[in-house]
Amino acid sequence: MRPLSRSLRITLISIAVVIYAVTWLYLVLNQPEDSDFSSMADSASTTIALVGFLVPTVIALIAVIPTLPVRTLALMPVALVLNIVVGQVVGTMGLPIPLYLDSFGTVLVGVLAGPAAGLATGGLSALVWGTFNPTIVPFAAGYALMGLAAGLVRKLFRSAWWKVVVAGLVLGFLSALVSAPVASFIFGGTAGTGTGLLVSFYQSLGASQTTAVFLQSWTSDPLDKVIVFLVVWVVVRSLPERSRRTFDPDGVPAQKVSAAV
């Protein structure tokens, strides 16, 4: 597939961002109460959320994927499997931990191959996972955002561990801001065993359901991203320099690396 022109890519990504933003604002401003993911025909808000996050994800992938080198595309399936397997286990095994741990692959690809590759990995993870777990699709914006953000701060993963922790806290807070309205107004904050327990805990302290979901997100997401970022920091620092440079979009092309070794 031939890459699209730069202007067309920018246009498509801009359209995707606008649709993401409008959908997010719809949930935040309207705070719908008719959500029923099991029967979308009876729930306009669920349909709007599903379409509003699915369509821009597809648009962004159309703009980004043709620009990625083959070596990065070959890495992405491994990252998808890692995201889905770990995320599915944590989300369905009844583990009482308020974490997700479903972005190891996304962050790793973003750090190794840059923001475009991270965005594509996050978006594809949501779409592929959503084929057998449709509740994941409305969180596609958060998955794509995390991959993009990991790519933008990838240089921190070659520095001190505490910088990675700070980045994880900040990006985890932003991730919570994106995902909390979906969790609250589409799923009622009950998705996930550990996170659901944390929502119940905050409600027991007197918080409303919406407030409890936002507090849960602002507790779980930063902690989750700190763990993921630290694990990826260890992995990246353990890789040979040649491997890191092979995927680095700003580094030496793979052919030159091979010739120099």
Protein backbone atom coordinates (compact mmCIF):
# COMPACT_ATOMS: atom_id res chain seq x y z
CA MET A 1 0.00 0.00 0.00
CA ARG A 2 1.41 3.36 -1.04
CA PRO A 3 1.67 5.98 1.72
CA LEU A 4 -0.82 8.82 1.48
CA SER A 5 0.40 12.33 0.87
CA ARG A 6 1.45 14.27 3.94
CA SER A 7 -1.42 16.74 3.62
CA LEU A 8 -3.98 13.95 3.34
CA ARG A 9 -2.51 12.15 6.36
CA ILE A 10 -2.72 15.34 8.41
CA THR A 11 -6.31 15.86 7.26
CA LEU A 12 -7.35 12.32 8.20
CA ILE A 13 -5.68 12.49 11.60
CA SER A 14 -7.28 15.89 12.25
CA ILE A 15 -10.70 14.45 11.39
CA ALA A 16 -10.06 11.53 13.74
CA VAL A 17 -9.07 13.86 16.59
CA VAL A 18 -12.18 16.00 16.08
CA ILE A 19 -14.49 12.96 16.14
CA TYR A 20 -12.75 11.66 19.29
CA ALA A 21 -13.14 15.05 20.97
CA VAL A 22 -16.80 15.49 19.99
CA THR A 23 -17.67 11.99 21.24
CA TRP A 24 -15.83 12.55 24.52
CA LEU A 25 -17.52 15.93 25.03
CA TYR A 26 -20.91 14.36 24.30
CA LEU A 27 -20.40 11.87 27.13
CA VAL A 28 -19.07 14.46 29.56
CA LEU A 29 -21.67 17.15 28.88
CA ASN A 30 -24.75 14.94 28.49
CA GLN A 31 -23.84 12.27 31.06
CA PRO A 32 -26.27 9.79 29.44
CA GLU A 33 -28.18 7.33 31.60
CA ASP A 34 -29.64 5.13 28.86
CA SER A 35 -26.49 3.09 28.21
CA ASP A 36 -26.97 -0.62 27.62
CA PHE A 37 -24.08 -2.27 25.80
CA SER A 38 -26.01 -5.54 25.51
CA SER A 39 -28.77 -3.87 23.47
CA MET A 40 -27.45 -0.97 21.45
CA ALA A 41 -30.74 -0.65 19.57
CA ASP A 42 -32.27 0.66 22.81
CA SER A 43 -29.32 2.86 23.76
CA ALA A 44 -28.46 5.87 21.62
CA SER A 45 -25.54 6.86 23.86
CA THR A 46 -23.91 3.45 23.57
CA THR A 47 -24.21 3.55 19.79
CA ILE A 48 -22.78 7.07 19.67
CA ALA A 49 -19.85 6.06 21.87
CA LEU A 50 -19.13 2.91 19.89
CA VAL A 51 -19.26 4.62 16.50
CA GLY A 52 -17.62 7.79 17.80
CA PHE A 53 -14.53 5.92 18.95
CA LEU A 54 -14.46 3.16 16.34
CA VAL A 55 -14.66 5.32 13.20
CA PRO A 56 -11.85 7.77 14.08
CA THR A 57 -9.62 4.87 15.10
CA VAL A 58 -10.05 3.32 11.66
CA ILE A 59 -9.42 6.70 10.02
CA ALA A 60 -6.22 7.22 12.02
CA LEU A 61 -4.99 3.72 11.15
CA ILE A 62 -5.59 4.37 7.44
CA ALA A 63 -3.44 7.49 7.73
CA VAL A 64 -0.64 5.96 9.79
CA ILE A 65 -0.11 2.29 8.93
CA PRO A 66 1.08 2.79 5.30
CA THR A 67 3.89 5.03 6.61
CA LEU A 68 5.38 2.39 8.91
CA PRO A 69 8.42 0.35 7.82
CA VAL A 70 8.16 -3.41 7.44
CA ARG A 71 10.33 -4.06 10.48
CA THR A 72 7.86 -2.15 12.66
CA LEU A 73 4.84 -3.86 11.12
CA ALA A 74 6.48 -7.22 11.88
CA LEU A 75 6.83 -6.24 15.56
CA MET A 76 3.24 -5.10 16.01
CA PRO A 77 1.50 -8.53 15.99
CA VAL A 78 3.66 -9.62 18.93
CA ALA A 79 2.69 -6.44 20.76
CA LEU A 80 -1.00 -7.02 20.03
CA VAL A 81 -0.88 -10.54 21.43
CA LEU A 82 0.92 -9.28 24.55
CA ASN A 83 -1.69 -6.55 25.11
CA ILE A 84 -4.68 -8.80 24.58
CA VAL A 85 -3.49 -11.86 26.47
CA VAL A 86 -2.33 -9.99 29.57
CA GLY A 87 -5.30 -7.62 29.50
CA GLN A 88 -7.81 -10.43 29.07
CA VAL A 89 -6.28 -12.45 31.90
CA VAL A 90 -6.26 -9.50 34.31
CA GLY A 91 -9.76 -8.44 33.28
CA THR A 92 -11.48 -11.83 33.40
CA MET A 93 -9.67 -13.94 35.99
CA GLY A 94 -11.32 -12.23 38.92
CA LEU A 95 -8.03 -10.90 40.27
CA PRO A 96 -8.73 -8.28 42.97
CA ILE A 97 -6.19 -5.79 41.61
CA PRO A 98 -7.37 -2.39 40.31
CA LEU A 99 -5.10 -2.49 37.26
CA TYR A 100 -5.38 -3.20 33.53
CA LEU A 101 -1.83 -4.10 32.40
CA ASP A 102 -3.05 -4.18 28.79
CA SER A 103 -0.62 -1.71 27.25
CA PHE A 104 2.79 -3.38 27.57
CA GLY A 105 2.97 -4.02 23.82
CA THR A 106 1.66 -0.58 22.89
CA VAL A 107 4.17 1.24 25.06
CA LEU A 108 7.03 -0.98 23.94
CA VAL A 109 6.32 -0.33 20.25
CA GLY A 110 5.88 3.38 20.89
CA VAL A 111 9.20 3.57 22.72
CA LEU A 112 11.10 1.52 20.13
CA ALA A 113 9.48 2.74 16.90
CA GLY A 114 7.99 6.16 17.62
CA PRO A 115 4.60 7.79 18.14
CA ALA A 116 3.02 6.76 14.82
CA ALA A 117 3.80 3.09 15.47
CA GLY A 118 2.57 3.40 19.06
CA LEU A 119 -0.69 4.98 17.93
CA ALA A 120 -1.23 2.23 15.36
CA THR A 121 -0.50 -0.51 17.90
CA GLY A 122 -2.89 0.96 20.44
CA GLY A 123 -5.66 1.44 17.90
CA LEU A 124 -5.25 -2.02 16.41
CA SER A 125 -5.22 -3.58 19.88
CA ALA A 126 -8.63 -2.11 20.61
CA LEU A 127 -10.07 -3.22 17.25
CA VAL A 128 -8.64 -6.76 17.29
CA TRP A 129 -9.51 -7.30 20.95
CA GLY A 130 -12.94 -5.86 20.26
CA THR A 131 -13.75 -8.66 17.80
CA PHE A 132 -14.37 -11.00 20.74
CA ASN A 133 -14.74 -8.45 23.55
CA PRO A 134 -16.71 -5.49 22.12
CA THR A 135 -16.57 -3.58 25.41
CA ILE A 136 -12.97 -2.69 24.57
CA VAL A 137 -13.82 -0.69 21.43
CA PRO A 138 -15.13 2.45 23.21
CA PHE A 139 -11.72 2.72 24.91
CA ALA A 140 -9.91 2.85 21.55
CA ALA A 141 -9.09 6.54 21.94
CA GLY A 142 -7.26 5.86 25.19
CA TYR A 143 -5.29 2.97 23.69
CA ALA A 144 -4.25 5.05 20.67
CA LEU A 145 -3.40 8.06 22.84
CA MET A 146 -1.17 5.97 25.10
CA GLY A 147 0.80 4.60 22.15
CA LEU A 148 1.22 8.07 20.70
CA ALA A 149 2.30 9.51 24.06
CA ALA A 150 4.77 6.69 24.74
CA GLY A 151 6.40 7.41 21.39
CA LEU A 152 6.64 11.12 22.13
CA VAL A 153 8.46 10.53 25.44
CA ARG A 154 10.54 7.56 24.24
CA LYS A 155 13.87 9.29 24.91
CA LEU A 156 13.09 9.20 28.64
CA PHE A 157 13.40 5.41 28.51
CA ARG A 158 17.14 5.81 28.04
CA SER A 159 17.45 8.00 31.12
CA ALA A 160 16.87 7.59 34.86
CA TRP A 161 14.04 5.39 36.11
CA TRP A 162 12.40 8.19 38.08
CA LYS A 163 11.79 10.17 34.89
CA VAL A 164 9.88 7.18 33.52
CA VAL A 165 7.84 7.06 36.74
CA VAL A 166 6.93 10.75 36.40
CA ALA A 167 5.96 10.23 32.76
CA GLY A 168 3.82 7.25 33.75
CA LEU A 169 2.02 9.27 36.41
CA VAL A 170 1.31 12.20 34.09
CA LEU A 171 0.23 10.07 31.14
CA GLY A 172 -1.78 7.80 33.43
CA PHE A 173 -3.72 10.82 34.65
CA LEU A 174 -4.40 11.92 31.06
CA SER A 175 -5.42 8.36 30.16
CA ALA A 176 -7.88 8.38 33.05
CA LEU A 177 -9.32 11.67 31.86
CA VAL A 178 -10.01 10.12 28.45
CA SER A 179 -11.36 6.77 29.63
CA ALA A 180 -13.31 7.70 32.78
CA PRO A 181 -16.36 9.13 30.94
CA VAL A 182 -16.62 5.92 28.92
CA ALA A 183 -16.31 3.76 32.02
CA SER A 184 -18.84 5.86 33.90
CA PHE A 185 -21.55 6.71 31.37
CA ILE A 186 -21.37 3.61 29.16
CA PHE A 187 -20.50 0.85 31.62
CA GLY A 188 -21.43 2.36 34.96
CA GLY A 189 -17.92 1.84 36.27
CA THR A 190 -18.42 -1.87 36.78
CA ALA A 191 -16.08 -3.19 34.05
CA GLY A 192 -13.24 -5.22 35.55
CA THR A 193 -13.16 -7.03 38.90
CA GLY A 194 -10.44 -5.06 40.66
CA THR A 195 -11.46 -1.69 39.27
CA GLY A 196 -15.10 -2.41 40.07
CA LEU A 197 -14.15 -3.15 43.66
CA LEU A 198 -12.33 0.18 43.85
CA VAL A 199 -15.39 1.99 42.51
CA SER A 200 -17.49 0.28 45.21
CA PHE A 201 -14.96 1.34 47.84
CA TYR A 202 -15.18 5.00 46.86
CA GLN A 203 -18.97 4.77 46.80
CA SER A 204 -18.89 3.35 50.32
CA LEU A 205 -17.09 6.54 51.36
CA GLY A 206 -20.02 8.59 50.10
CA ALA A 207 -18.95 9.39 46.54
CA SER A 208 -21.52 9.35 43.75
CA GLN A 209 -21.15 6.75 41.02
CA THR A 210 -19.65 9.23 38.57
CA THR A 211 -17.24 10.64 41.15
CA ALA A 212 -16.29 7.13 42.27
CA VAL A 213 -15.48 6.10 38.69
CA PHE A 214 -13.30 9.16 38.12
CA LEU A 215 -11.51 8.59 41.44
CA GLN A 216 -10.97 4.94 40.50
CA SER A 217 -9.54 5.96 37.13
CA TRP A 218 -7.26 8.55 38.68
CA THR A 219 -6.06 5.89 41.13
CA SER A 220 -5.73 2.92 38.78
CA ASP A 221 -4.46 4.53 35.57
CA PRO A 222 -1.39 6.34 36.95
CA LEU A 223 -0.36 3.27 38.97
CA ASP A 224 -0.98 1.01 35.98
CA LYS A 225 1.08 3.17 33.64
CA VAL A 226 3.95 3.48 36.14
CA ILE A 227 4.18 -0.33 36.31
CA VAL A 228 3.97 -0.70 32.53
CA PHE A 229 6.52 2.07 31.91
CA LEU A 230 9.00 0.62 34.42
CA VAL A 231 8.74 -2.86 32.90
CA VAL A 232 9.25 -1.45 29.40
CA TRP A 233 12.15 0.69 30.72
CA VAL A 234 13.86 -2.48 31.96
CA VAL A 235 13.19 -4.31 28.68
CA VAL A 236 14.42 -1.47 26.48
CA ARG A 237 17.60 -0.98 28.50
CA SER A 238 18.24 -4.72 28.30
CA LEU A 239 18.08 -4.79 24.50
CA PRO A 240 21.27 -4.59 22.46
CA GLU A 241 21.94 -1.18 20.94
CA ARG A 242 21.59 -2.70 17.49
CA SER A 243 18.03 -3.81 18.23
CA ARG A 244 17.03 -0.40 19.52
CA ARG A 245 18.52 1.35 16.51
CA THR A 246 16.79 -1.05 14.12
CA PHE A 247 13.35 0.19 15.16
CA ASP A 248 14.22 3.81 15.98
CA PRO A 249 12.54 6.04 13.35
CA ASP A 250 15.14 8.74 14.03
CA GLY A 251 18.11 6.39 14.11
CA VAL A 252 20.22 4.54 11.61
CA PRO A 253 18.26 2.58 8.97
CA ALA A 254 18.23 -1.17 9.48
CA GLN A 255 20.26 -1.77 6.31
CA LYS A 256 23.07 0.46 7.54
CA VAL A 257 23.04 -1.14 10.95
CA SER A 258 23.45 -4.58 9.39
CA ALA A 259 26.25 -3.39 7.15
CA ALA A 260 28.10 -1.82 10.04
CA VAL A 261 28.05 -4.96 12.21
